[in-house]
N, C-alpha and C. Protein backbone atom coordinates (compact mmCIF):
# COMPACT_ATOMS: atom_id res chain seq x y z
N GLY A 1 220.63 -7.43 133.61
CA GLY A 1 221.88 -7.43 132.91
C GLY A 1 223.06 -7.45 133.86
N LEU A 2 222.88 -6.96 135.10
CA LEU A 2 223.98 -6.92 136.06
C LEU A 2 223.96 -8.12 137.00
N GLY A 3 222.98 -8.99 136.85
CA GLY A 3 222.93 -10.19 137.68
C GLY A 3 222.23 -10.02 139.00
N TYR A 4 221.61 -8.87 139.24
CA TYR A 4 220.90 -8.67 140.50
C TYR A 4 219.62 -9.52 140.52
N THR A 5 219.31 -10.08 141.67
CA THR A 5 218.11 -10.90 141.79
C THR A 5 217.05 -10.25 142.67
N ARG A 6 217.40 -9.15 143.35
CA ARG A 6 216.45 -8.46 144.23
C ARG A 6 216.55 -6.96 144.01
N GLN A 7 215.42 -6.30 144.21
CA GLN A 7 215.39 -4.85 144.10
C GLN A 7 214.44 -4.31 145.15
N LEU A 8 214.92 -3.37 145.95
CA LEU A 8 214.08 -2.70 146.94
C LEU A 8 213.60 -1.40 146.31
N THR A 9 212.29 -1.22 146.26
CA THR A 9 211.71 -0.08 145.57
C THR A 9 210.77 0.65 146.51
N GLU A 10 210.83 1.97 146.47
CA GLU A 10 209.92 2.80 147.24
C GLU A 10 209.30 3.80 146.28
N GLY A 11 208.00 3.91 146.32
CA GLY A 11 207.33 4.83 145.40
C GLY A 11 205.88 5.00 145.78
N GLY A 12 205.16 5.64 144.91
CA GLY A 12 203.75 5.92 145.16
C GLY A 12 202.84 4.91 144.51
N PRO A 13 201.53 5.20 144.49
CA PRO A 13 200.53 4.28 143.96
C PRO A 13 200.74 3.90 142.50
N ARG A 14 201.23 4.82 141.69
CA ARG A 14 201.41 4.52 140.27
C ARG A 14 202.52 3.50 140.06
N LEU A 15 203.65 3.70 140.74
CA LEU A 15 204.76 2.74 140.61
C LEU A 15 204.35 1.38 141.16
N LEU A 16 203.70 1.37 142.32
CA LEU A 16 203.26 0.09 142.90
C LEU A 16 202.28 -0.62 141.98
N GLY A 17 201.38 0.13 141.35
CA GLY A 17 200.44 -0.46 140.41
C GLY A 17 201.13 -1.10 139.22
N GLN A 18 202.20 -0.48 138.73
CA GLN A 18 202.95 -1.03 137.61
C GLN A 18 203.66 -2.32 138.02
N LEU A 19 204.19 -2.36 139.23
CA LEU A 19 204.86 -3.57 139.72
C LEU A 19 203.85 -4.71 139.89
N VAL A 20 202.67 -4.40 140.39
CA VAL A 20 201.61 -5.41 140.56
C VAL A 20 201.19 -5.95 139.19
N ALA A 21 200.96 -5.03 138.24
CA ALA A 21 200.52 -5.44 136.90
C ALA A 21 201.58 -6.30 136.19
N ALA A 22 202.86 -6.01 136.46
CA ALA A 22 203.95 -6.78 135.84
C ALA A 22 204.20 -8.10 136.58
N ASP A 23 203.50 -8.32 137.69
CA ASP A 23 203.63 -9.54 138.49
C ASP A 23 205.05 -9.76 138.99
N VAL A 24 205.68 -8.68 139.46
CA VAL A 24 207.06 -8.78 139.96
C VAL A 24 207.17 -8.44 141.44
N LEU A 25 206.05 -8.19 142.11
CA LEU A 25 206.09 -7.84 143.52
C LEU A 25 206.02 -9.10 144.37
N ASP A 26 207.07 -9.35 145.15
CA ASP A 26 207.14 -10.54 146.00
C ASP A 26 206.91 -10.23 147.47
N GLU A 27 207.20 -8.99 147.87
CA GLU A 27 207.12 -8.62 149.28
C GLU A 27 206.71 -7.16 149.37
N MET A 28 205.98 -6.82 150.44
CA MET A 28 205.52 -5.45 150.60
C MET A 28 205.56 -5.07 152.07
N CYS A 29 206.12 -3.91 152.36
CA CYS A 29 206.09 -3.36 153.71
C CYS A 29 205.06 -2.24 153.72
N LEU A 30 204.17 -2.27 154.69
CA LEU A 30 203.07 -1.32 154.74
C LEU A 30 203.00 -0.72 156.14
N THR A 31 202.94 0.61 156.23
CA THR A 31 202.84 1.31 157.50
C THR A 31 201.46 1.93 157.61
N LEU A 32 200.80 1.71 158.74
CA LEU A 32 199.50 2.33 159.01
C LEU A 32 199.68 3.31 160.16
N ALA A 33 199.27 4.56 159.90
CA ALA A 33 199.37 5.61 160.91
C ALA A 33 198.03 5.75 161.63
N PRO A 34 198.05 6.06 162.93
CA PRO A 34 196.80 6.19 163.68
C PRO A 34 196.13 7.54 163.46
N MET A 35 195.88 7.89 162.20
CA MET A 35 195.26 9.16 161.85
C MET A 35 194.18 8.90 160.81
N LEU A 36 193.17 9.73 160.81
CA LEU A 36 192.08 9.58 159.86
C LEU A 36 191.97 10.86 159.06
N ALA A 37 191.95 10.72 157.74
CA ALA A 37 191.81 11.87 156.85
C ALA A 37 190.75 11.55 155.82
N ALA A 38 190.08 12.55 155.32
CA ALA A 38 189.06 12.37 154.29
C ALA A 38 189.50 13.07 153.01
N GLY A 39 188.94 12.65 151.90
CA GLY A 39 189.27 13.29 150.64
C GLY A 39 189.09 12.33 149.49
N ASP A 40 189.68 12.68 148.38
CA ASP A 40 189.57 11.88 147.16
C ASP A 40 190.77 10.95 147.00
N ALA A 41 191.07 10.20 148.03
CA ALA A 41 192.23 9.30 148.00
C ALA A 41 191.98 8.13 147.05
N GLN A 42 193.05 7.64 146.47
CA GLN A 42 192.96 6.48 145.61
C GLN A 42 193.44 5.24 146.37
N ARG A 43 193.44 4.12 145.72
CA ARG A 43 193.92 2.88 146.33
C ARG A 43 195.43 2.94 146.55
N ILE A 44 195.93 1.98 147.29
CA ILE A 44 197.37 1.92 147.55
C ILE A 44 198.16 1.71 146.26
N ALA A 45 197.54 1.03 145.29
CA ALA A 45 198.17 0.81 143.98
C ALA A 45 197.22 1.29 142.90
N GLY A 46 197.71 2.15 142.03
CA GLY A 46 196.89 2.66 140.94
C GLY A 46 197.50 2.26 139.61
N GLY A 47 196.69 1.90 138.66
CA GLY A 47 197.20 1.52 137.35
C GLY A 47 196.34 0.45 136.73
N PRO A 48 196.93 -0.32 135.83
CA PRO A 48 196.16 -1.36 135.15
C PRO A 48 195.63 -2.40 136.12
N SER A 49 194.43 -2.88 135.86
CA SER A 49 193.87 -3.91 136.75
C SER A 49 194.48 -5.27 136.42
N VAL A 50 194.39 -6.16 137.39
CA VAL A 50 194.90 -7.52 137.21
C VAL A 50 193.71 -8.48 137.20
N ALA A 51 193.84 -9.57 136.46
CA ALA A 51 192.74 -10.52 136.32
C ALA A 51 192.37 -11.16 137.66
N VAL A 52 193.37 -11.58 138.42
CA VAL A 52 193.16 -12.21 139.71
C VAL A 52 193.98 -11.46 140.75
N PRO A 53 193.35 -10.98 141.82
CA PRO A 53 194.13 -10.27 142.85
C PRO A 53 195.23 -11.16 143.43
N HIS A 54 196.36 -10.56 143.73
CA HIS A 54 197.48 -11.30 144.31
C HIS A 54 197.30 -11.40 145.82
N ARG A 55 197.41 -12.58 146.36
CA ARG A 55 197.25 -12.81 147.79
C ARG A 55 198.62 -12.77 148.46
N PHE A 56 198.73 -12.04 149.57
CA PHE A 56 199.95 -11.96 150.35
C PHE A 56 199.67 -12.47 151.75
N GLU A 57 200.71 -12.93 152.43
CA GLU A 57 200.55 -13.38 153.81
C GLU A 57 201.37 -12.48 154.73
N LEU A 58 200.86 -12.28 155.94
CA LEU A 58 201.54 -11.45 156.91
C LEU A 58 202.76 -12.19 157.45
N VAL A 59 203.92 -11.55 157.38
CA VAL A 59 205.17 -12.15 157.86
C VAL A 59 205.50 -11.60 159.24
N SER A 60 205.33 -10.29 159.43
CA SER A 60 205.60 -9.69 160.72
C SER A 60 204.77 -8.43 160.89
N LEU A 61 204.49 -8.11 162.16
CA LEU A 61 203.72 -6.92 162.48
C LEU A 61 204.31 -6.32 163.75
N LEU A 62 204.73 -5.07 163.65
CA LEU A 62 205.30 -4.37 164.80
C LEU A 62 204.44 -3.14 165.08
N GLU A 63 204.41 -2.74 166.34
CA GLU A 63 203.65 -1.55 166.74
C GLU A 63 204.54 -0.64 167.55
N GLU A 64 204.44 0.66 167.28
CA GLU A 64 205.14 1.66 168.08
C GLU A 64 204.32 2.94 168.07
N ASP A 65 203.93 3.40 169.25
CA ASP A 65 203.15 4.63 169.40
C ASP A 65 201.88 4.61 168.54
N GLY A 66 201.26 3.46 168.38
CA GLY A 66 200.03 3.35 167.61
C GLY A 66 200.24 3.12 166.12
N PHE A 67 201.47 3.27 165.63
CA PHE A 67 201.78 3.00 164.23
C PHE A 67 201.98 1.50 164.06
N LEU A 68 201.45 0.95 162.99
CA LEU A 68 201.64 -0.47 162.68
C LEU A 68 202.55 -0.60 161.47
N PHE A 69 203.55 -1.44 161.61
CA PHE A 69 204.50 -1.71 160.54
C PHE A 69 204.36 -3.16 160.13
N GLY A 70 203.76 -3.39 158.97
CA GLY A 70 203.50 -4.75 158.51
C GLY A 70 204.40 -5.14 157.36
N ARG A 71 204.78 -6.38 157.35
CA ARG A 71 205.57 -6.94 156.24
C ARG A 71 204.81 -8.13 155.69
N TYR A 72 204.53 -8.08 154.40
CA TYR A 72 203.75 -9.10 153.72
C TYR A 72 204.57 -9.73 152.61
N ARG A 73 204.32 -11.01 152.36
CA ARG A 73 205.06 -11.74 151.34
C ARG A 73 204.11 -12.65 150.58
N ARG A 74 204.43 -12.87 149.31
CA ARG A 74 203.64 -13.83 148.54
C ARG A 74 203.92 -15.23 149.06
N PRO A 75 202.88 -16.05 149.21
CA PRO A 75 203.11 -17.41 149.71
C PRO A 75 203.86 -18.28 148.71
């Protein structure tokens, strides 16, 4: 309604799952930490399943102190 064409969103697995299910996610930034933890973790996106998984391509990858900062975009 306000004419915006882009929205930057930060949230958890439930919000990300809703964006994936609505097919409105065009780009994703993902950080990987050099730590290993165990437990009952869920997927990066939780929510309704999609018929066909969305494929993203790596746009950039940066490293600092073992942390990886990836930026992915829909082709």
